Amino acid sequence: MSEATSSDMELFDLRIVVDRIEGRSVCGLKVGDYFEVTNSAELRIPEGKHFCMYAIQAVMPLLPAKQRQMPEGDWLEKDSFAVCPDPDERVVMRIERTRKVKLNSGDLT
């Protein structure tokens, strides 16, 4: 295989779903709303939908780790929840792995 087509790493695509709202959703999110991260760094929001940028920034630091297979005992392998920083909303999001993709690290860096 040529370097342009070879894959030397595997990452998970992710779906970040509003699992529950323990306060009031000022930003308009509803349980079940989601966004996806695919092919390492492509953010996708369903057409006609939105996702609060503050909720996205709350979960963003966890995504690179959740894209990778962690050791079984690692807390990041077991814990999949993040919470929006607005204390009145308490939007709880769940990070789901949707599929594993093979990528060429040279295409990403």
PDB file of N, CA and C in Angstrom:
ATOM      1  N   MET A   1       0.836  -1.188   0.000  1.00  0.00           N
ATOM      2  CA  MET A   1       0.000   0.000   0.000  1.00  0.00           C
ATOM      3  C   MET A   1       0.877   1.246   0.000  1.00  0.00           C
ATOM      4  N   SER A   2       0.414   2.275  -0.656  1.00  0.00           N
ATOM      5  CA  SER A   2       1.144   3.537  -0.623  1.00  0.00           C
ATOM      6  C   SER A   2       0.858   4.239   0.688  1.00  0.00           C
ATOM      7  N   GLU A   3       1.731   5.183   1.036  1.00  0.00           N
ATOM      8  CA  GLU A   3       1.540   5.910   2.301  1.00  0.00           C
ATOM      9  C   GLU A   3       0.215   6.652   2.320  1.00  0.00           C
ATOM     10  N   ALA A   4      -0.238   7.130   1.174  1.00  0.00           N
ATOM     11  CA  ALA A   4      -1.487   7.890   1.100  1.00  0.00           C
ATOM     12  C   ALA A   4      -2.701   7.021   1.420  1.00  0.00           C
ATOM     13  N   THR A   5      -2.608   5.703   1.209  1.00  0.00           N
ATOM     14  CA  THR A   5      -3.766   4.848   1.447  1.00  0.00           C
ATOM     15  C   THR A   5      -3.593   3.913   2.634  1.00  0.00           C
ATOM     16  N   SER A   6      -2.386   3.878   3.227  1.00  0.00           N
ATOM     17  CA  SER A   6      -2.178   2.967   4.352  1.00  0.00           C
ATOM     18  C   SER A   6      -2.796   3.539   5.623  1.00  0.00           C
ATOM     19  N   SER A   7      -3.227   2.646   6.478  1.00  0.00           N
ATOM     20  CA  SER A   7      -3.765   3.094   7.763  1.00  0.00           C
ATOM     21  C   SER A   7      -2.847   2.568   8.861  1.00  0.00           C
ATOM     22  N   ASP A   8      -2.506   3.454   9.777  1.00  0.00           N
ATOM     23  CA  ASP A   8      -1.605   3.059  10.852  1.00  0.00           C
ATOM     24  C   ASP A   8      -2.204   3.323  12.229  1.00  0.00           C
ATOM     25  N   MET A   9      -3.487   3.699  12.264  1.00  0.00           N
ATOM     26  CA  MET A   9      -4.126   3.936  13.554  1.00  0.00           C
ATOM     27  C   MET A   9      -5.621   3.684  13.449  1.00  0.00           C
ATOM     28  N   GLU A  10      -6.231   3.431  14.601  1.00  0.00           N
ATOM     29  CA  GLU A  10      -7.672   3.242  14.675  1.00  0.00           C
ATOM     30  C   GLU A  10      -8.232   4.188  15.726  1.00  0.00           C
ATOM     31  N   LEU A  11      -9.307   4.855  15.373  1.00  0.00           N
ATOM     32  CA  LEU A  11     -10.024   5.726  16.305  1.00  0.00           C
ATOM     33  C   LEU A  11     -11.505   5.390  16.242  1.00  0.00           C
ATOM     34  N   PHE A  12     -12.199   5.680  17.315  1.00  0.00           N
ATOM     35  CA  PHE A  12     -13.647   5.531  17.319  1.00  0.00           C
ATOM     36  C   PHE A  12     -14.298   6.824  16.845  1.00  0.00           C
ATOM     37  N   ASP A  13     -15.342   6.712  16.038  1.00  0.00           N
ATOM     38  CA  ASP A  13     -16.244   7.829  15.812  1.00  0.00           C
ATOM     39  C   ASP A  13     -17.126   7.915  17.054  1.00  0.00           C
ATOM     40  N   LEU A  14     -17.557   9.117  17.378  1.00  0.00           N
ATOM     41  CA  LEU A  14     -18.316   9.331  18.610  1.00  0.00           C
ATOM     42  C   LEU A  14     -19.646  10.016  18.338  1.00  0.00           C
ATOM     43  N   ARG A  15     -20.612   9.711  19.164  1.00  0.00           N
ATOM     44  CA  ARG A  15     -21.883  10.441  19.195  1.00  0.00           C
ATOM     45  C   ARG A  15     -22.052  10.943  20.627  1.00  0.00           C
ATOM     46  N   ILE A  16     -22.289  12.235  20.770  1.00  0.00           N
ATOM     47  CA  ILE A  16     -22.486  12.843  22.076  1.00  0.00           C
ATOM     48  C   ILE A  16     -23.967  13.196  22.168  1.00  0.00           C
ATOM     49  N   VAL A  17     -24.662  12.538  23.094  1.00  0.00           N
ATOM     50  CA  VAL A  17     -26.120  12.592  23.194  1.00  0.00           C
ATOM     51  C   VAL A  17     -26.540  13.255  24.495  1.00  0.00           C
ATOM     52  N   VAL A  18     -27.564  14.102  24.429  1.00  0.00           N
ATOM     53  CA  VAL A  18     -28.150  14.639  25.661  1.00  0.00           C
ATOM     54  C   VAL A  18     -28.878  13.472  26.329  1.00  0.00           C
ATOM     55  N   ASP A  19     -28.327  13.026  27.466  1.00  0.00           N
ATOM     56  CA  ASP A  19     -28.868  11.880  28.196  1.00  0.00           C
ATOM     57  C   ASP A  19     -30.041  12.286  29.084  1.00  0.00           C
ATOM     58  N   ARG A  20     -29.871  13.427  29.744  1.00  0.00           N
ATOM     59  CA  ARG A  20     -30.938  13.935  30.615  1.00  0.00           C
ATOM     60  C   ARG A  20     -30.689  15.406  30.919  1.00  0.00           C
ATOM     61  N   ILE A  21     -31.746  16.072  31.345  1.00  0.00           N
ATOM     62  CA  ILE A  21     -31.656  17.477  31.728  1.00  0.00           C
ATOM     63  C   ILE A  21     -32.224  17.570  33.132  1.00  0.00           C
ATOM     64  N   GLU A  22     -31.368  17.911  34.083  1.00  0.00           N
ATOM     65  CA  GLU A  22     -31.773  17.918  35.489  1.00  0.00           C
ATOM     66  C   GLU A  22     -32.228  19.291  35.961  1.00  0.00           C
ATOM     67  N   GLY A  23     -32.181  20.275  35.080  1.00  0.00           N
ATOM     68  CA  GLY A  23     -32.636  21.631  35.385  1.00  0.00           C
ATOM     69  C   GLY A  23     -33.585  22.083  34.292  1.00  0.00           C
ATOM     70  N   ARG A  24     -33.343  23.276  33.768  1.00  0.00           N
ATOM     71  CA  ARG A  24     -34.159  23.785  32.667  1.00  0.00           C
ATOM     72  C   ARG A  24     -33.236  24.085  31.489  1.00  0.00           C
ATOM     73  N   SER A  25     -33.648  23.697  30.322  1.00  0.00           N
ATOM     74  CA  SER A  25     -32.803  23.850  29.138  1.00  0.00           C
ATOM     75  C   SER A  25     -33.011  25.221  28.511  1.00  0.00           C
ATOM     76  N   VAL A  26     -32.217  26.165  28.943  1.00  0.00           N
ATOM     77  CA  VAL A  26     -32.283  27.523  28.411  1.00  0.00           C
ATOM     78  C   VAL A  26     -31.832  27.552  26.953  1.00  0.00           C
ATOM     79  N   CYS A  27     -30.885  26.715  26.599  1.00  0.00           N
ATOM     80  CA  CYS A  27     -30.311  26.712  25.236  1.00  0.00           C
ATOM     81  C   CYS A  27     -31.191  25.975  24.236  1.00  0.00           C
ATOM     82  N   GLY A  28     -32.232  25.321  24.689  1.00  0.00           N
ATOM     83  CA  GLY A  28     -33.155  24.653  23.778  1.00  0.00           C
ATOM     84  C   GLY A  28     -32.828  23.211  23.460  1.00  0.00           C
ATOM     85  N   LEU A  29     -31.805  22.647  24.086  1.00  0.00           N
ATOM     86  CA  LEU A  29     -31.507  21.231  23.867  1.00  0.00           C
ATOM     87  C   LEU A  29     -32.587  20.373  24.499  1.00  0.00           C
ATOM     88  N   LYS A  30     -32.793  19.199  23.901  1.00  0.00           N
ATOM     89  CA  LYS A  30     -33.762  18.232  24.410  1.00  0.00           C
ATOM     90  C   LYS A  30     -33.074  16.884  24.561  1.00  0.00           C
ATOM     91  N   VAL A  31     -33.600  16.043  25.430  1.00  0.00           N
ATOM     92  CA  VAL A  31     -33.082  14.684  25.584  1.00  0.00           C
ATOM     93  C   VAL A  31     -33.103  14.011  24.214  1.00  0.00           C
ATOM     94  N   GLY A  32     -31.993  13.395  23.858  1.00  0.00           N
ATOM     95  CA  GLY A  32     -31.868  12.731  22.565  1.00  0.00           C
ATOM     96  C   GLY A  32     -31.142  13.562  21.515  1.00  0.00           C
ATOM     97  N   ASP A  33     -31.050  14.888  21.699  1.00  0.00           N
ATOM     98  CA  ASP A  33     -30.273  15.706  20.764  1.00  0.00           C
ATOM     99  C   ASP A  33     -28.821  15.242  20.807  1.00  0.00           C
ATOM    100  N   TYR A  34     -28.116  15.391  19.687  1.00  0.00           N
ATOM    101  CA  TYR A  34     -26.735  14.898  19.637  1.00  0.00           C
ATOM    102  C   TYR A  34     -25.917  15.633  18.590  1.00  0.00           C
ATOM    103  N   PHE A  35     -24.607  15.448  18.702  1.00  0.00           N
ATOM    104  CA  PHE A  35     -23.690  15.782  17.625  1.00  0.00           C
ATOM    105  C   PHE A  35     -22.707  14.632  17.525  1.00  0.00           C
ATOM    106  N   GLU A  36     -22.007  14.555  16.401  1.00  0.00           N
ATOM    107  CA  GLU A  36     -21.064  13.465  16.181  1.00  0.00           C
ATOM    108  C   GLU A  36     -19.691  14.009  15.827  1.00  0.00           C
ATOM    109  N   VAL A  37     -18.671  13.233  16.187  1.00  0.00           N
ATOM    110  CA  VAL A  37     -17.304  13.499  15.776  1.00  0.00           C
ATOM    111  C   VAL A  37     -16.879  12.276  14.965  1.00  0.00           C
ATOM    112  N   THR A  38     -16.546  12.507  13.692  1.00  0.00           N
ATOM    113  CA  THR A  38     -16.178  11.420  12.800  1.00  0.00           C
ATOM    114  C   THR A  38     -14.812  11.687  12.181  1.00  0.00           C
ATOM    115  N   ASN A  39     -14.167  10.603  11.725  1.00  0.00           N
ATOM    116  CA  ASN A  39     -12.882  10.717  11.026  1.00  0.00           C
ATOM    117  C   ASN A  39     -11.889  11.598  11.766  1.00  0.00           C
ATOM    118  N   SER A  40     -11.808  11.430  13.052  1.00  0.00           N
ATOM    119  CA  SER A  40     -10.867  12.097  13.944  1.00  0.00           C
ATOM    120  C   SER A  40     -11.321  13.481  14.395  1.00  0.00           C
ATOM    121  N   ALA A  41     -11.772  14.336  13.471  1.00  0.00           N
ATOM    122  CA  ALA A  41     -12.001  15.727  13.868  1.00  0.00           C
ATOM    123  C   ALA A  41     -13.160  16.421  13.159  1.00  0.00           C
ATOM    124  N   GLU A  42     -14.034  15.669  12.510  1.00  0.00           N
ATOM    125  CA  GLU A  42     -15.158  16.287  11.804  1.00  0.00           C
ATOM    126  C   GLU A  42     -16.386  16.317  12.716  1.00  0.00           C
ATOM    127  N   LEU A  43     -16.867  17.517  13.013  1.00  0.00           N
ATOM    128  CA  LEU A  43     -18.033  17.690  13.876  1.00  0.00           C
ATOM    129  C   LEU A  43     -19.281  17.755  13.000  1.00  0.00           C
ATOM    130  N   ARG A  44     -20.273  16.945  13.328  1.00  0.00           N
ATOM    131  CA  ARG A  44     -21.505  16.878  12.534  1.00  0.00           C
ATOM    132  C   ARG A  44     -22.712  17.054  13.454  1.00  0.00           C
ATOM    133  N   ILE A  45     -23.593  17.949  13.046  1.00  0.00           N
ATOM    134  CA  ILE A  45     -24.851  18.184  13.751  1.00  0.00           C
ATOM    135  C   ILE A  45     -25.961  17.896  12.737  1.00  0.00           C
ATOM    136  N   PRO A  46     -26.981  17.134  13.122  1.00  0.00           N
ATOM    137  CA  PRO A  46     -28.051  16.828  12.166  1.00  0.00           C
ATOM    138  C   PRO A  46     -28.656  18.099  11.567  1.00  0.00           C
ATOM    139  N   GLU A  47     -28.986  18.020  10.274  1.00  0.00           N
ATOM    140  CA  GLU A  47     -29.558  19.163   9.577  1.00  0.00           C
ATOM    141  C   GLU A  47     -30.812  19.658  10.288  1.00  0.00           C
ATOM    142  N   GLY A  48     -30.911  20.960  10.434  1.00  0.00           N
ATOM    143  CA  GLY A  48     -32.061  21.575  11.084  1.00  0.00           C
ATOM    144  C   GLY A  48     -31.979  21.592  12.598  1.00  0.00           C
ATOM    145  N   LYS A  49     -30.923  21.040  13.149  1.00  0.00           N
ATOM    146  CA  LYS A  49     -30.738  20.994  14.606  1.00  0.00           C
ATOM    147  C   LYS A  49     -29.620  21.947  15.012  1.00  0.00           C
ATOM    148  N   HIS A  50     -29.454  22.106  16.293  1.00  0.00           N
ATOM    149  CA  HIS A  50     -28.343  22.900  16.830  1.00  0.00           C
ATOM    150  C   HIS A  50     -27.792  22.177  18.048  1.00  0.00           C
ATOM    151  N   PHE A  51     -26.650  22.626  18.520  1.00  0.00           N
ATOM    152  CA  PHE A  51     -26.101  22.124  19.771  1.00  0.00           C
ATOM    153  C   PHE A  51     -25.382  23.288  20.427  1.00  0.00           C
ATOM    154  N   CYS A  52     -25.624  23.502  21.691  1.00  0.00           N
ATOM    155  CA  CYS A  52     -25.058  24.624  22.437  1.00  0.00           C
ATOM    156  C   CYS A  52     -23.529  24.562  22.448  1.00  0.00           C
ATOM    157  N   MET A  53     -22.876  25.670  22.072  1.00  0.00           N
ATOM    158  CA  MET A  53     -21.412  25.664  22.013  1.00  0.00           C
ATOM    159  C   MET A  53     -20.790  25.526  23.399  1.00  0.00           C
ATOM    160  N   TYR A  54     -21.478  25.919  24.444  1.00  0.00           N
ATOM    161  CA  TYR A  54     -20.935  25.770  25.791  1.00  0.00           C
ATOM    162  C   TYR A  54     -21.011  24.318  26.250  1.00  0.00           C
ATOM    163  N   ALA A  55     -22.055  23.619  25.830  1.00  0.00           N
ATOM    164  CA  ALA A  55     -22.137  22.181  26.113  1.00  0.00           C
ATOM    165  C   ALA A  55     -21.045  21.438  25.344  1.00  0.00           C
ATOM    166  N   ILE A  56     -20.816  21.837  24.099  1.00  0.00           N
ATOM    167  CA  ILE A  56     -19.753  21.204  23.309  1.00  0.00           C
ATOM    168  C   ILE A  56     -18.400  21.422  23.971  1.00  0.00           C
ATOM    169  N   GLN A  57     -18.134  22.644  24.424  1.00  0.00           N
ATOM    170  CA  GLN A  57     -16.825  22.907  25.035  1.00  0.00           C
ATOM    171  C   GLN A  57     -16.645  22.141  26.329  1.00  0.00           C
ATOM    172  N   ALA A  58     -17.724  21.813  27.026  1.00  0.00           N
ATOM    173  CA  ALA A  58     -17.613  21.045  28.268  1.00  0.00           C
ATOM    174  C   ALA A  58     -17.171  19.608  28.007  1.00  0.00           C
ATOM    175  N   VAL A  59     -17.616  19.031  26.913  1.00  0.00           N
ATOM    176  CA  VAL A  59     -17.302  17.637  26.602  1.00  0.00           C
ATOM    177  C   VAL A  59     -16.032  17.508  25.748  1.00  0.00           C
ATOM    178  N   MET A  60     -15.642  18.575  25.081  1.00  0.00           N
ATOM    179  CA  MET A  60     -14.520  18.546  24.137  1.00  0.00           C
ATOM    180  C   MET A  60     -13.220  17.959  24.708  1.00  0.00           C
ATOM    181  N   PRO A  61     -12.791  18.303  25.921  1.00  0.00           N
ATOM    182  CA  PRO A  61     -11.522  17.745  26.416  1.00  0.00           C
ATOM    183  C   PRO A  61     -11.513  16.222  26.562  1.00  0.00           C
ATOM    184  N   LEU A  62     -12.678  15.605  26.696  1.00  0.00           N
ATOM    185  CA  LEU A  62     -12.754  14.159  26.858  1.00  0.00           C
ATOM    186  C   LEU A  62     -12.722  13.399  25.539  1.00  0.00           C
ATOM    187  N   LEU A  63     -13.034  14.064  24.441  1.00  0.00           N
ATOM    188  CA  LEU A  63     -13.232  13.363  23.178  1.00  0.00           C
ATOM    189  C   LEU A  63     -11.983  12.685  22.623  1.00  0.00           C
ATOM    190  N   PRO A  64     -10.800  13.315  22.640  1.00  0.00           N
ATOM    191  CA  PRO A  64      -9.630  12.598  22.116  1.00  0.00           C
ATOM    192  C   PRO A  64      -9.349  11.286  22.860  1.00  0.00           C
ATOM    193  N   ALA A  65      -9.579  11.271  24.156  1.00  0.00           N
ATOM    194  CA  ALA A  65      -9.371  10.034  24.914  1.00  0.00           C
ATOM    195  C   ALA A  65     -10.444   9.001  24.581  1.00  0.00           C
ATOM    196  N   LYS A  66     -11.695   9.423  24.436  1.00  0.00           N
ATOM    197  CA  LYS A  66     -12.771   8.478  24.136  1.00  0.00           C
ATOM    198  C   LYS A  66     -12.666   7.937  22.713  1.00  0.00           C
ATOM    199  N   GLN A  67     -11.923   8.626  21.846  1.00  0.00           N
ATOM    200  CA  GLN A  67     -11.716   8.126  20.486  1.00  0.00           C
ATOM    201  C   GLN A  67     -10.750   6.939  20.469  1.00  0.00           C
ATOM    202  N   ARG A  68     -10.000   6.767  21.536  1.00  0.00           N
ATOM    203  CA  ARG A  68      -8.992   5.717  21.601  1.00  0.00           C
ATOM    204  C   ARG A  68      -9.428   4.608  22.553  1.00  0.00           C
ATOM    205  N   GLN A  69      -8.959   3.400  22.280  1.00  0.00           N
ATOM    206  CA  GLN A  69      -9.204   2.286  23.190  1.00  0.00           C
ATOM    207  C   GLN A  69      -8.279   2.450  24.387  1.00  0.00           C
ATOM    208  N   MET A  70      -8.845   2.607  25.552  1.00  0.00           N
ATOM    209  CA  MET A  70      -8.077   2.784  26.776  1.00  0.00           C
ATOM    210  C   MET A  70      -7.985   1.434  27.494  1.00  0.00           C
ATOM    211  N   PRO A  71      -7.033   1.285  28.409  1.00  0.00           N
ATOM    212  CA  PRO A  71      -6.988   0.053  29.203  1.00  0.00           C
ATOM    213  C   PRO A  71      -8.310  -0.156  29.942  1.00  0.00           C
ATOM    214  N   GLU A  72      -8.698  -1.388  30.110  1.00  0.00           N
ATOM    215  CA  GLU A  72     -10.001  -1.727  30.703  1.00  0.00           C
ATOM    216  C   GLU A  72     -10.256  -1.039  32.046  1.00  0.00           C
ATOM    217  N   GLY A  73      -9.248  -0.919  32.900  1.00  0.00           N
ATOM    218  CA  GLY A  73      -9.438  -0.322  34.216  1.00  0.00           C
ATOM    219  C   GLY A  73      -9.365   1.187  34.255  1.00  0.00           C
ATOM    220  N   ASP A  74      -9.045   1.826  33.149  1.00  0.00           N
ATOM    221  CA  ASP A  74      -8.916   3.287  33.103  1.00  0.00           C
ATOM    222  C   ASP A  74     -10.281   3.939  33.299  1.00  0.00           C
ATOM    223  N   TRP A  75     -10.348   4.982  34.123  1.00  0.00           N
ATOM    224  CA  TRP A  75     -11.636   5.625  34.395  1.00  0.00           C
ATOM    225  C   TRP A  75     -12.256   6.201  33.129  1.00  0.00           C
ATOM    226  N   LEU A  76     -11.446   6.627  32.170  1.00  0.00           N
ATOM    227  CA  LEU A  76     -11.998   7.162  30.923  1.00  0.00           C
ATOM    228  C   LEU A  76     -12.645   6.077  30.072  1.00  0.00           C
ATOM    229  N   GLU A  77     -12.254   4.848  30.267  1.00  0.00           N
ATOM    230  CA  GLU A  77     -12.877   3.745  29.541  1.00  0.00           C
ATOM    231  C   GLU A  77     -14.250   3.432  30.141  1.00  0.00           C
ATOM    232  N   LYS A  78     -14.404   3.668  31.430  1.00  0.00           N
ATOM    233  CA  LYS A  78     -15.644   3.327  32.122  1.00  0.00           C
ATOM    234  C   LYS A  78     -16.635   4.487  32.192  1.00  0.00           C
ATOM    235  N   ASP A  79     -16.155   5.713  32.279  1.00  0.00           N
ATOM    236  CA  ASP A  79     -17.024   6.876  32.470  1.00  0.00           C
ATOM    237  C   ASP A  79     -17.300   7.550  31.139  1.00  0.00           C
ATOM    238  N   SER A  80     -18.560   7.800  30.841  1.00  0.00           N
ATOM    239  CA  SER A  80     -18.930   8.363  29.540  1.00  0.00           C
ATOM    240  C   SER A  80     -19.848   9.571  29.649  1.00  0.00           C
ATOM    241  N   PHE A  81     -19.857  10.243  30.794  1.00  0.00           N
ATOM    242  CA  PHE A  81     -20.762  11.368  30.980  1.00  0.00           C
ATOM    243  C   PHE A  81     -20.009  12.672  31.198  1.00  0.00           C
ATOM    244  N   ALA A  82     -20.609  13.766  30.715  1.00  0.00           N
ATOM    245  CA  ALA A  82     -20.100  15.111  30.940  1.00  0.00           C
ATOM    246  C   ALA A  82     -21.313  16.015  31.155  1.00  0.00           C
ATOM    247  N   VAL A  83     -21.103  17.142  31.818  1.00  0.00           N
ATOM    248  CA  VAL A  83     -22.207  18.034  32.158  1.00  0.00           C
ATOM    249  C   VAL A  83     -21.908  19.436  31.649  1.00  0.00           C
ATOM    250  N   CYS A  84     -22.913  20.065  31.079  1.00  0.00           N
ATOM    251  CA  CYS A  84     -22.818  21.456  30.636  1.00  0.00           C
ATOM    252  C   CYS A  84     -22.456  22.335  31.833  1.00  0.00           C
ATOM    253  N   PRO A  85     -21.644  23.369  31.638  1.00  0.00           N
ATOM    254  CA  PRO A  85     -21.206  24.195  32.768  1.00  0.00           C
ATOM    255  C   PRO A  85     -22.280  25.108  33.357  1.00  0.00           C
ATOM    256  N   ASP A  86     -23.442  25.259  32.710  1.00  0.00           N
ATOM    257  CA  ASP A  86     -24.489  26.133  33.247  1.00  0.00           C
ATOM    258  C   ASP A  86     -25.187  25.420  34.403  1.00  0.00           C
ATOM    259  N   PRO A  87     -25.039  25.918  35.635  1.00  0.00           N
ATOM    260  CA  PRO A  87     -25.596  25.213  36.797  1.00  0.00           C
ATOM    261  C   PRO A  87     -27.126  25.158  36.814  1.00  0.00           C
ATOM    262  N   ASP A  88     -27.810  26.089  36.137  1.00  0.00           N
ATOM    263  CA  ASP A  88     -29.272  26.050  36.098  1.00  0.00           C
ATOM    264  C   ASP A  88     -29.801  24.997  35.131  1.00  0.00           C
ATOM    265  N   GLU A  89     -28.978  24.657  34.129  1.00  0.00           N
ATOM    266  CA  GLU A  89     -29.442  23.703  33.120  1.00  0.00           C
ATOM    267  C   GLU A  89     -29.156  22.260  33.513  1.00  0.00           C
ATOM    268  N   ARG A  90     -27.912  21.993  33.925  1.00  0.00           N
ATOM    269  CA  ARG A  90     -27.486  20.642  34.261  1.00  0.00           C
ATOM    270  C   ARG A  90     -27.819  19.648  33.144  1.00  0.00           C
ATOM    271  N   VAL A  91     -27.380  19.994  31.938  1.00  0.00           N
ATOM    272  CA  VAL A  91     -27.537  19.119  30.781  1.00  0.00           C
ATOM    273  C   VAL A  91     -26.447  18.042  30.870  1.00  0.00           C
ATOM    274  N   VAL A  92     -26.857  16.799  31.004  1.00  0.00           N
ATOM    275  CA  VAL A  92     -25.930  15.678  31.120  1.00  0.00           C
ATOM    276  C   VAL A  92     -25.837  14.992  29.760  1.00  0.00           C
ATOM    277  N   MET A  93     -24.599  14.893  29.259  1.00  0.00           N
ATOM    278  CA  MET A  93     -24.354  14.296  27.943  1.00  0.00           C
ATOM    279  C   MET A  93     -23.626  12.971  28.096  1.00  0.00           C
ATOM    280  N   ARG A  94     -23.956  12.040  27.212  1.00  0.00           N
ATOM    281  CA  ARG A  94     -23.346  10.708  27.193  1.00  0.00           C
ATOM    282  C   ARG A  94     -22.505  10.576  25.920  1.00  0.00           C
ATOM    283  N   ILE A  95     -21.281  10.116  26.068  1.00  0.00           N
ATOM    284  CA  ILE A  95     -20.393   9.906  24.928  1.00  0.00           C
ATOM    285  C   ILE A  95     -20.488   8.445  24.518  1.00  0.00           C
ATOM    286  N   GLU A  96     -20.901   8.220  23.271  1.00  0.00           N
ATOM    287  CA  GLU A  96     -21.039   6.857  22.746  1.00  0.00           C
ATOM    288  C   GLU A  96     -20.047   6.647  21.613  1.00  0.00           C
ATOM    289  N   ARG A  97     -19.456   5.483  21.571  1.00  0.00           N
ATOM    290  CA  ARG A  97     -18.626   5.098  20.441  1.00  0.00           C
ATOM    291  C   ARG A  97     -19.535   4.450  19.401  1.00  0.00           C
ATOM    292  N   THR A  98     -19.459   4.931  18.162  1.00  0.00           N
ATOM    293  CA  THR A  98     -20.374   4.425  17.140  1.00  0.00           C
ATOM    294  C   THR A  98     -19.714   3.436  16.192  1.00  0.00           C
ATOM    295  N   ARG A  99     -18.440   3.632  15.878  1.00  0.00           N
ATOM    296  CA  ARG A  99     -17.724   2.687  15.019  1.00  0.00           C
ATOM    297  C   ARG A  99     -16.237   2.972  15.127  1.00  0.00           C
ATOM    298  N   LYS A 100     -15.443   1.996  14.766  1.00  0.00           N
ATOM    299  CA  LYS A 100     -13.991   2.157  14.753  1.00  0.00           C
ATOM    300  C   LYS A 100     -13.567   2.373  13.310  1.00  0.00           C
ATOM    301  N   VAL A 101     -12.728   3.392  13.077  1.00  0.00           N
ATOM    302  CA  VAL A 101     -12.257   3.685  11.727  1.00  0.00           C
ATOM    303  C   VAL A 101     -10.740   3.592  11.672  1.00  0.00           C
ATOM    304  N   LYS A 102     -10.235   3.136  10.540  1.00  0.00           N
ATOM    305  CA  LYS A 102      -8.789   3.080  10.310  1.00  0.00           C
ATOM    306  C   LYS A 102      -8.380   4.349   9.589  1.00  0.00           C
ATOM    307  N   LEU A 103      -7.359   5.006  10.097  1.00  0.00           N
ATOM    308  CA  LEU A 103      -6.903   6.270   9.540  1.00  0.00           C
ATOM    309  C   LEU A 103      -5.391   6.265   9.349  1.00  0.00           C
ATOM    310  N   ASN A 104      -4.922   7.135   8.501  1.00  0.00           N
ATOM    311  CA  ASN A 104      -3.511   7.337   8.278  1.00  0.00           C
ATOM    312  C   ASN A 104      -3.102   8.573   9.080  1.00  0.00           C
ATOM    313  N   SER A 105      -2.238   8.402  10.071  1.00  0.00           N
ATOM    314  CA  SER A 105      -1.851   9.524  10.926  1.00  0.00           C
ATOM    315  C   SER A 105      -1.189  10.644  10.121  1.00  0.00           C
ATOM    316  N   GLY A 106      -0.533  10.306   9.021  1.00  0.00           N
ATOM    317  CA  GLY A 106       0.081  11.327   8.184  1.00  0.00           C
ATOM    318  C   GLY A 106      -0.927  12.270   7.551  1.00  0.00           C
ATOM    319  N   ASP A 107      -2.159  11.809   7.389  1.00  0.00           N
ATOM    320  CA  ASP A 107      -3.217  12.655   6.834  1.00  0.00           C
ATOM    321  C   ASP A 107      -3.788  13.614   7.874  1.00  0.00           C
ATOM    322  N   LEU A 108      -3.498  13.351   9.150  1.00  0.00           N
ATOM    323  CA  LEU A 108      -4.128  14.114  10.227  1.00  0.00           C
ATOM    324  C   LEU A 108      -3.189  15.117  10.891  1.00  0.00           C
ATOM    325  N   THR A 109      -1.897  14.981  10.686  1.00  0.00           N
ATOM    326  CA  THR A 109      -0.966  15.856  11.378  1.00  0.00           C
ATOM    327  C   THR A 109      -0.158  16.693  10.419  1.00  0.00           C
TER     328      THR A 109
END
